[in-house]
Amino acid sequence: LVEQVTKNLNIAVNVLLRPRFGDFCFT
């Protein structure tokens, strides 16, 4: 999906990276 949007749309794309729902204390 990242590739599809960055390659085909003329807009800056910032990608949210979060492995799961919930808190932000990661393993």
PDB file of all heavy atoms in Angstrom:
ATOM      1  N   LEU A   1       0.842  -1.198   0.000  1.00  0.00           N
ATOM      2  CA  LEU A   1       0.000   0.000   0.000  1.00  0.00           C
ATOM      3  C   LEU A   1       0.875   1.245   0.000  1.00  0.00           C
ATOM      4  O   LEU A   1       0.590   2.218  -0.716  1.00  0.00           O
ATOM      5  CB  LEU A   1      -0.929   0.002   1.212  1.00  0.00           C
ATOM      6  CG  LEU A   1      -1.830   1.232   1.360  1.00  0.00           C
ATOM      7  CD1 LEU A   1      -2.733   1.409   0.145  1.00  0.00           C
ATOM      8  CD2 LEU A   1      -2.664   1.133   2.647  1.00  0.00           C
ATOM      9  N   VAL A   2       1.946   1.239   0.781  1.00  0.00           N
ATOM     10  CA  VAL A   2       2.883   2.363   0.779  1.00  0.00           C
ATOM     11  C   VAL A   2       3.409   2.598  -0.630  1.00  0.00           C
ATOM     12  O   VAL A   2       3.430   3.734  -1.124  1.00  0.00           O
ATOM     13  CB  VAL A   2       4.059   2.108   1.747  1.00  0.00           C
ATOM     14  CG1 VAL A   2       5.080   3.244   1.651  1.00  0.00           C
ATOM     15  CG2 VAL A   2       3.557   1.965   3.179  1.00  0.00           C
ATOM     16  N   GLU A   3       3.813   1.542  -1.290  1.00  0.00           N
ATOM     17  CA  GLU A   3       4.329   1.664  -2.652  1.00  0.00           C
ATOM     18  C   GLU A   3       3.265   2.198  -3.597  1.00  0.00           C
ATOM     19  O   GLU A   3       3.525   3.085  -4.422  1.00  0.00           O
ATOM     20  CB  GLU A   3       4.826   0.300  -3.129  1.00  0.00           C
ATOM     21  CG  GLU A   3       5.413   0.325  -4.529  1.00  0.00           C
ATOM     22  CD  GLU A   3       5.916  -1.040  -4.950  1.00  0.00           C
ATOM     23  OE1 GLU A   3       5.236  -2.051  -4.663  1.00  0.00           O
ATOM     24  OE2 GLU A   3       6.987  -1.105  -5.582  1.00  0.00           O
ATOM     25  N   GLN A   4       2.057   1.683  -3.489  1.00  0.00           N
ATOM     26  CA  GLN A   4       0.963   2.093  -4.371  1.00  0.00           C
ATOM     27  C   GLN A   4       0.681   3.593  -4.240  1.00  0.00           C
ATOM     28  O   GLN A   4       0.523   4.300  -5.244  1.00  0.00           O
ATOM     29  CB  GLN A   4      -0.289   1.292  -4.026  1.00  0.00           C
ATOM     30  CG  GLN A   4      -1.465   1.526  -4.964  1.00  0.00           C
ATOM     31  CD  GLN A   4      -2.651   0.672  -4.557  1.00  0.00           C
ATOM     32  OE1 GLN A   4      -3.088   0.713  -3.401  1.00  0.00           O
ATOM     33  NE2 GLN A   4      -3.169  -0.111  -5.489  1.00  0.00           N
ATOM     34  N   VAL A   5       0.640   4.082  -3.013  1.00  0.00           N
ATOM     35  CA  VAL A   5       0.325   5.493  -2.790  1.00  0.00           C
ATOM     36  C   VAL A   5       1.494   6.389  -3.189  1.00  0.00           C
ATOM     37  O   VAL A   5       1.307   7.402  -3.873  1.00  0.00           O
ATOM     38  CB  VAL A   5      -0.079   5.727  -1.316  1.00  0.00           C
ATOM     39  CG1 VAL A   5      -0.246   7.214  -1.030  1.00  0.00           C
ATOM     40  CG2 VAL A   5      -1.361   4.978  -0.991  1.00  0.00           C
ATOM     41  N   THR A   6       2.712   6.036  -2.790  1.00  0.00           N
ATOM     42  CA  THR A   6       3.859   6.900  -3.098  1.00  0.00           C
ATOM     43  C   THR A   6       4.140   6.964  -4.594  1.00  0.00           C
ATOM     44  O   THR A   6       4.563   7.999  -5.100  1.00  0.00           O
ATOM     45  CB  THR A   6       5.129   6.419  -2.365  1.00  0.00           C
ATOM     46  OG1 THR A   6       5.396   5.055  -2.704  1.00  0.00           O
ATOM     47  CG2 THR A   6       4.985   6.553  -0.869  1.00  0.00           C
ATOM     48  N   LYS A   7       3.900   5.874  -5.303  1.00  0.00           N
ATOM     49  CA  LYS A   7       4.234   5.828  -6.729  1.00  0.00           C
ATOM     50  C   LYS A   7       3.166   6.459  -7.609  1.00  0.00           C
ATOM     51  O   LYS A   7       3.455   6.913  -8.716  1.00  0.00           O
ATOM     52  CB  LYS A   7       4.464   4.379  -7.179  1.00  0.00           C
ATOM     53  CG  LYS A   7       5.576   3.635  -6.447  1.00  0.00           C
ATOM     54  CD  LYS A   7       6.932   4.303  -6.601  1.00  0.00           C
ATOM     55  CE  LYS A   7       8.008   3.484  -5.905  1.00  0.00           C
ATOM     56  NZ  LYS A   7       9.326   4.184  -5.881  1.00  0.00           N
ATOM     57  N   ASN A   8       1.920   6.484  -7.138  1.00  0.00           N
ATOM     58  CA  ASN A   8       0.826   6.857  -8.025  1.00  0.00           C
ATOM     59  C   ASN A   8       0.134   8.174  -7.688  1.00  0.00           C
ATOM     60  O   ASN A   8      -0.640   8.671  -8.511  1.00  0.00           O
ATOM     61  CB  ASN A   8      -0.223   5.743  -8.043  1.00  0.00           C
ATOM     62  CG  ASN A   8       0.296   4.475  -8.691  1.00  0.00           C
ATOM     63  OD1 ASN A   8       0.587   4.436  -9.883  1.00  0.00           O
ATOM     64  ND2 ASN A   8       0.444   3.425  -7.891  1.00  0.00           N
ATOM     65  N   LEU A   9       0.398   8.733  -6.513  1.00  0.00           N
ATOM     66  CA  LEU A   9      -0.268   9.968  -6.135  1.00  0.00           C
ATOM     67  C   LEU A   9       0.756  11.079  -5.928  1.00  0.00           C
ATOM     68  O   LEU A   9       1.817  10.857  -5.353  1.00  0.00           O
ATOM     69  CB  LEU A   9      -1.083   9.764  -4.855  1.00  0.00           C
ATOM     70  CG  LEU A   9      -2.239   8.764  -4.958  1.00  0.00           C
ATOM     71  CD1 LEU A   9      -2.922   8.610  -3.603  1.00  0.00           C
ATOM     72  CD2 LEU A   9      -3.246   9.173  -6.014  1.00  0.00           C
ATOM     73  N   ASN A  10       0.398  12.254  -6.355  1.00  0.00           N
ATOM     74  CA  ASN A  10       1.299  13.406  -6.261  1.00  0.00           C
ATOM     75  C   ASN A  10       1.057  14.133  -4.941  1.00  0.00           C
ATOM     76  O   ASN A  10       0.475  15.229  -4.894  1.00  0.00           O
ATOM     77  CB  ASN A  10       1.079  14.339  -7.451  1.00  0.00           C
ATOM     78  CG  ASN A  10       2.061  15.494  -7.454  1.00  0.00           C
ATOM     79  OD1 ASN A  10       3.187  15.368  -6.946  1.00  0.00           O
ATOM     80  ND2 ASN A  10       1.650  16.627  -8.007  1.00  0.00           N
ATOM     81  N   ILE A  11       1.509  13.502  -3.858  1.00  0.00           N
ATOM     82  CA  ILE A  11       1.355  14.092  -2.533  1.00  0.00           C
ATOM     83  C   ILE A  11       2.419  13.497  -1.622  1.00  0.00           C
ATOM     84  O   ILE A  11       2.831  12.342  -1.798  1.00  0.00           O
ATOM     85  CB  ILE A  11      -0.060  13.833  -1.963  1.00  0.00           C
ATOM     86  CG1 ILE A  11      -0.297  14.697  -0.710  1.00  0.00           C
ATOM     87  CG2 ILE A  11      -0.304  12.359  -1.697  1.00  0.00           C
ATOM     88  CD1 ILE A  11      -1.743  14.730  -0.259  1.00  0.00           C
ATOM     89  N   ALA A  12       2.876  14.287  -0.655  1.00  0.00           N
ATOM     90  CA  ALA A  12       3.850  13.786   0.321  1.00  0.00           C
ATOM     91  C   ALA A  12       3.178  12.728   1.199  1.00  0.00           C
ATOM     92  O   ALA A  12       2.048  12.923   1.666  1.00  0.00           O
ATOM     93  CB  ALA A  12       4.373  14.937   1.178  1.00  0.00           C
ATOM     94  N   VAL A  13       3.895  11.633   1.416  1.00  0.00           N
ATOM     95  CA  VAL A  13       3.350  10.512   2.182  1.00  0.00           C
ATOM     96  C   VAL A  13       4.229  10.242   3.404  1.00  0.00           C
ATOM     97  O   VAL A  13       5.404   9.889   3.266  1.00  0.00           O
ATOM     98  CB  VAL A  13       3.264   9.228   1.323  1.00  0.00           C
ATOM     99  CG1 VAL A  13       2.695   8.079   2.146  1.00  0.00           C
ATOM    100  CG2 VAL A  13       2.431   9.465   0.074  1.00  0.00           C
ATOM    101  N   ASN A  14       3.665  10.451   4.582  1.00  0.00           N
ATOM    102  CA  ASN A  14       4.310  10.052   5.825  1.00  0.00           C
ATOM    103  C   ASN A  14       3.633   8.781   6.317  1.00  0.00           C
ATOM    104  O   ASN A  14       2.399   8.725   6.381  1.00  0.00           O
ATOM    105  CB  ASN A  14       4.207  11.145   6.888  1.00  0.00           C
ATOM    106  CG  ASN A  14       5.171  12.287   6.642  1.00  0.00           C
ATOM    107  OD1 ASN A  14       5.846  12.340   5.611  1.00  0.00           O
ATOM    108  ND2 ASN A  14       5.243  13.204   7.579  1.00  0.00           N
ATOM    109  N   VAL A  15       4.409   7.782   6.658  1.00  0.00           N
ATOM    110  CA  VAL A  15       3.868   6.466   6.990  1.00  0.00           C
ATOM    111  C   VAL A  15       3.887   6.254   8.499  1.00  0.00           C
ATOM    112  O   VAL A  15       4.945   6.344   9.134  1.00  0.00           O
ATOM    113  CB  VAL A  15       4.661   5.350   6.293  1.00  0.00           C
ATOM    114  CG1 VAL A  15       4.035   3.994   6.583  1.00  0.00           C
ATOM    115  CG2 VAL A  15       4.725   5.594   4.781  1.00  0.00           C
ATOM    116  N   LEU A  16       2.715   5.977   9.075  1.00  0.00           N
ATOM    117  CA  LEU A  16       2.628   5.645  10.493  1.00  0.00           C
ATOM    118  C   LEU A  16       3.155   4.230  10.713  1.00  0.00           C
ATOM    119  O   LEU A  16       2.725   3.287  10.041  1.00  0.00           O
ATOM    120  CB  LEU A  16       1.182   5.722  10.969  1.00  0.00           C
ATOM    121  CG  LEU A  16       0.943   5.227  12.404  1.00  0.00           C
ATOM    122  CD1 LEU A  16       1.564   6.171  13.414  1.00  0.00           C
ATOM    123  CD2 LEU A  16      -0.535   5.030  12.682  1.00  0.00           C
ATOM    124  N   LEU A  17       4.064   4.088  11.658  1.00  0.00           N
ATOM    125  CA  LEU A  17       4.613   2.770  11.993  1.00  0.00           C
ATOM    126  C   LEU A  17       4.287   2.460  13.449  1.00  0.00           C
ATOM    127  O   LEU A  17       4.791   3.090  14.376  1.00  0.00           O
ATOM    128  CB  LEU A  17       6.116   2.748  11.741  1.00  0.00           C
ATOM    129  CG  LEU A  17       6.521   3.021  10.281  1.00  0.00           C
ATOM    130  CD1 LEU A  17       8.033   3.005  10.132  1.00  0.00           C
ATOM    131  CD2 LEU A  17       5.861   2.035   9.327  1.00  0.00           C
ATOM    132  N   ARG A  18       3.429   1.501  13.618  1.00  0.00           N
ATOM    133  CA  ARG A  18       2.958   1.077  14.950  1.00  0.00           C
ATOM    134  C   ARG A  18       2.595  -0.393  14.836  1.00  0.00           C
ATOM    135  O   ARG A  18       1.738  -0.758  14.020  1.00  0.00           O
ATOM    136  CB  ARG A  18       1.743   1.917  15.348  1.00  0.00           C
ATOM    137  CG  ARG A  18       1.173   1.634  16.732  1.00  0.00           C
ATOM    138  CD  ARG A  18      -0.092   2.454  16.923  1.00  0.00           C
ATOM    139  NE  ARG A  18      -0.724   2.207  18.218  1.00  0.00           N
ATOM    140  CZ  ARG A  18      -2.027   2.393  18.438  1.00  0.00           C
ATOM    141  NH1 ARG A  18      -2.819   2.830  17.456  1.00  0.00           N
ATOM    142  NH2 ARG A  18      -2.548   2.155  19.620  1.00  0.00           N
ATOM    143  N   PRO A  19       3.223  -1.271  15.597  1.00  0.00           N
ATOM    144  CA  PRO A  19       3.078  -2.706  15.342  1.00  0.00           C
ATOM    145  C   PRO A  19       1.733  -3.298  15.728  1.00  0.00           C
ATOM    146  O   PRO A  19       1.388  -4.383  15.272  1.00  0.00           O
ATOM    147  CB  PRO A  19       4.199  -3.332  16.179  1.00  0.00           C
ATOM    148  CG  PRO A  19       4.456  -2.347  17.266  1.00  0.00           C
ATOM    149  CD  PRO A  19       4.222  -0.998  16.643  1.00  0.00           C
ATOM    150  N   ARG A  20       0.980  -2.573  16.568  1.00  0.00           N
ATOM    151  CA  ARG A  20      -0.279  -3.134  17.073  1.00  0.00           C
ATOM    152  C   ARG A  20      -1.081  -2.037  17.756  1.00  0.00           C
ATOM    153  O   ARG A  20      -0.566  -0.957  18.056  1.00  0.00           O
ATOM    154  CB  ARG A  20       0.008  -4.256  18.088  1.00  0.00           C
ATOM    155  CG  ARG A  20       0.926  -3.791  19.202  1.00  0.00           C
ATOM    156  CD  ARG A  20       0.983  -4.677  20.405  1.00  0.00           C
ATOM    157  NE  ARG A  20       2.065  -4.268  21.294  1.00  0.00           N
ATOM    158  CZ  ARG A  20       2.054  -3.200  22.080  1.00  0.00           C
ATOM    159  NH1 ARG A  20       0.993  -2.409  22.100  1.00  0.00           N
ATOM    160  NH2 ARG A  20       3.086  -2.910  22.854  1.00  0.00           N
ATOM    161  N   PHE A  21      -2.335  -2.366  18.027  1.00  0.00           N
ATOM    162  CA  PHE A  21      -3.180  -1.535  18.873  1.00  0.00           C
ATOM    163  C   PHE A  21      -2.680  -1.609  20.316  1.00  0.00           C
ATOM    164  O   PHE A  21      -2.096  -2.597  20.741  1.00  0.00           O
ATOM    165  CB  PHE A  21      -4.619  -2.054  18.812  1.00  0.00           C
ATOM    166  CG  PHE A  21      -5.533  -1.494  19.854  1.00  0.00           C
ATOM    167  CD1 PHE A  21      -6.065  -0.223  19.722  1.00  0.00           C
ATOM    168  CD2 PHE A  21      -5.853  -2.240  20.972  1.00  0.00           C
ATOM    169  CE1 PHE A  21      -6.909   0.307  20.693  1.00  0.00           C
ATOM    170  CE2 PHE A  21      -6.706  -1.727  21.949  1.00  0.00           C
ATOM    171  CZ  PHE A  21      -7.227  -0.460  21.799  1.00  0.00           C
ATOM    172  N   GLY A  22      -2.901  -0.540  21.086  1.00  0.00           N
ATOM    173  CA  GLY A  22      -2.576  -0.604  22.506  1.00  0.00           C
ATOM    174  C   GLY A  22      -1.502   0.382  22.904  1.00  0.00           C
ATOM    175  O   GLY A  22      -1.313   1.417  22.271  1.00  0.00           O
ATOM    176  N   ASP A  23      -0.765   0.039  23.957  1.00  0.00           N
ATOM    177  CA  ASP A  23       0.218   0.969  24.498  1.00  0.00           C
ATOM    178  C   ASP A  23       1.440   1.079  23.591  1.00  0.00           C
ATOM    179  O   ASP A  23       1.550   0.410  22.555  1.00  0.00           O
ATOM    180  CB  ASP A  23       0.613   0.588  25.928  1.00  0.00           C
ATOM    181  CG  ASP A  23       1.340  -0.750  26.006  1.00  0.00           C
ATOM    182  OD1 ASP A  23       2.245  -1.004  25.183  1.00  0.00           O
ATOM    183  OD2 ASP A  23       1.011  -1.562  26.897  1.00  0.00           O
ATOM    184  N   PHE A  24       2.384   1.915  24.002  1.00  0.00           N
ATOM    185  CA  PHE A  24       3.544   2.224  23.157  1.00  0.00           C
ATOM    186  C   PHE A  24       4.852   1.722  23.766  1.00  0.00           C
ATOM    187  O   PHE A  24       5.925   2.209  23.422  1.00  0.00           O
ATOM    188  CB  PHE A  24       3.611   3.730  22.911  1.00  0.00           C
ATOM    189  CG  PHE A  24       2.373   4.263  22.251  1.00  0.00           C
ATOM    190  CD1 PHE A  24       1.397   4.925  22.989  1.00  0.00           C
ATOM    191  CD2 PHE A  24       2.164   4.090  20.893  1.00  0.00           C
ATOM    192  CE1 PHE A  24       0.251   5.408  22.393  1.00  0.00           C
ATOM    193  CE2 PHE A  24       1.015   4.566  20.282  1.00  0.00           C
ATOM    194  CZ  PHE A  24       0.053   5.223  21.023  1.00  0.00           C
ATOM    195  N   CYS A  25       4.744   0.749  24.663  1.00  0.00           N
ATOM    196  CA  CYS A  25       5.924   0.112  25.243  1.00  0.00           C
ATOM    197  C   CYS A  25       6.146  -1.195  24.491  1.00  0.00           C
ATOM    198  O   CYS A  25       5.394  -2.161  24.672  1.00  0.00           O
ATOM    199  CB  CYS A  25       5.705  -0.134  26.735  1.00  0.00           C
ATOM    200  SG  CYS A  25       7.165  -0.749  27.588  1.00  0.00           S
ATOM    201  N   PHE A  26       7.136  -1.206  23.610  1.00  0.00           N
ATOM    202  CA  PHE A  26       7.274  -2.291  22.654  1.00  0.00           C
ATOM    203  C   PHE A  26       8.291  -3.338  23.080  1.00  0.00           C
ATOM    204  O   PHE A  26       9.287  -3.036  23.748  1.00  0.00           O
ATOM    205  CB  PHE A  26       7.653  -1.720  21.278  1.00  0.00           C
ATOM    206  CG  PHE A  26       6.642  -0.743  20.745  1.00  0.00           C
ATOM    207  CD1 PHE A  26       7.021   0.529  20.337  1.00  0.00           C
ATOM    208  CD2 PHE A  26       5.296  -1.080  20.672  1.00  0.00           C
ATOM    209  CE1 PHE A  26       6.085   1.435  19.853  1.00  0.00           C
ATOM    210  CE2 PHE A  26       4.351  -0.186  20.189  1.00  0.00           C
ATOM    211  CZ  PHE A  26       4.751   1.073  19.778  1.00  0.00           C
ATOM    212  N   THR A  27       8.047  -4.564  22.656  1.00  0.00           N
ATOM    213  CA  THR A  27       8.972  -5.661  22.919  1.00  0.00           C
ATOM    214  C   THR A  27      10.180  -5.560  21.985  1.00  0.00           C
ATOM    215  O   THR A  27      10.166  -4.828  20.981  1.00  0.00           O
ATOM    216  CB  THR A  27       8.301  -7.018  22.691  1.00  0.00           C
ATOM    217  OG1 THR A  27       7.987  -7.149  21.292  1.00  0.00           O
ATOM    218  CG2 THR A  27       7.015  -7.154  23.512  1.00  0.00           C
TER     219      THR A  27
END
